[in-house]
Each structure stands twice: as C-alpha cells, then as structure tokens.
Amino acid sequence: MAETKMIRIQYYRSKNSTPAKHKAVVKGLGFTRLNQIVERVDTESTRGMVKAVPHLVRILEDE
C-alpha cells in the first residue's frame, strides 16, 4: 500500500486586515490560532491554498 505524502504548514502571521477570501483559506487549512502547525495531505488543492496566502503561512521542511 502506498504511503500518503504529508506536508507540515505553519500559520505565522495574523489574518487580521486581510481580505475575506484569505481568512477563509486560513480557516479551510484548519488553523485556529497563530503559530499553529498542522499536517495536511500533499495534494494540488492544499498546495494551491498555501500559494494563495504565502504571506500568512509557510511550509516547514523536514529536518
């Protein structure tokens, strides 16, 4: 069985004073508080969401 590839995303800048669409993207990624790190399946849709708000979130590279 193939292993699902995951990416770790960190929410590091506040969504205050951003457009409603950006706030919806942050919520859609599952973030509830600042500096939170979540793991999501690495799909094109997840990458697109991260690409929509690169000034608010970052992808953490594996150490």
Protein backbone atom coordinates (compact mmCIF):
# COMPACT_ATOMS: atom_id res chain seq x y z
CA MET A 1 0.00 0.00 0.00
CA ALA A 2 1.36 3.41 -0.97
CA GLU A 3 2.18 5.83 1.82
CA THR A 4 0.38 9.18 1.66
CA LYS A 5 2.74 12.14 1.44
CA MET A 6 2.12 14.84 4.05
CA ILE A 7 3.25 18.46 4.37
CA ARG A 8 3.62 20.49 7.57
CA ILE A 9 2.26 24.03 7.40
CA GLN A 10 2.73 26.80 9.99
CA TYR A 11 0.39 29.78 10.42
CA TYR A 12 2.81 32.54 11.41
CA ARG A 13 1.18 35.90 10.52
CA SER A 14 -2.22 37.16 11.59
CA LYS A 15 -5.12 37.19 9.17
CA ASN A 16 -6.40 40.48 10.61
CA SER A 17 -6.69 43.23 7.98
CA THR A 18 -6.71 40.72 5.12
CA PRO A 19 -9.49 40.10 2.57
CA ALA A 20 -12.31 37.72 3.50
CA LYS A 21 -11.06 35.19 0.93
CA HIS A 22 -7.68 34.97 2.70
CA LYS A 23 -9.42 34.45 6.06
CA ALA A 24 -11.48 31.65 4.51
CA VAL A 25 -8.35 29.96 3.15
CA VAL A 26 -6.64 30.05 6.56
CA LYS A 27 -9.75 28.56 8.18
CA GLY A 28 -10.01 25.97 5.40
CA LEU A 29 -6.47 24.80 6.10
CA GLY A 30 -7.60 24.12 9.68
CA PHE A 31 -5.79 26.84 11.58
CA THR A 32 -7.38 28.16 14.77
CA ARG A 33 -4.52 30.09 16.37
CA LEU A 34 -1.29 31.85 15.48
CA ASN A 35 1.96 29.84 15.24
CA GLN A 36 -0.01 26.62 14.94
CA ILE A 37 1.48 23.79 12.87
CA VAL A 38 -0.78 21.32 11.04
CA GLU A 39 -0.13 18.33 8.80
CA ARG A 40 -2.14 18.02 5.62
CA VAL A 41 -2.09 15.58 2.72
CA ASP A 42 0.16 16.93 -0.03
CA THR A 43 -2.32 17.49 -2.85
CA GLU A 44 -2.62 20.10 -5.56
CA SER A 45 -5.56 21.71 -3.77
CA THR A 46 -3.64 22.04 -0.50
CA ARG A 47 -0.64 23.49 -2.33
CA GLY A 48 -2.96 25.95 -4.09
CA MET A 49 -4.43 27.10 -0.79
CA VAL A 50 -0.93 27.68 0.61
CA LYS A 51 0.04 29.51 -2.57
CA ALA A 52 -2.98 31.84 -2.13
CA VAL A 53 -1.72 33.10 1.25
CA PRO A 54 2.10 32.81 1.21
CA HIS A 55 2.35 35.94 3.37
CA LEU A 56 0.41 34.23 6.19
CA VAL A 57 1.59 30.61 6.16
CA ARG A 58 4.81 28.72 5.44
CA ILE A 59 5.64 25.13 4.56
CA LEU A 60 8.05 23.60 7.03
CA GLU A 61 10.76 21.44 5.55
CA ASP A 62 11.65 18.16 7.23
CA GLU A 63 14.82 18.37 9.26
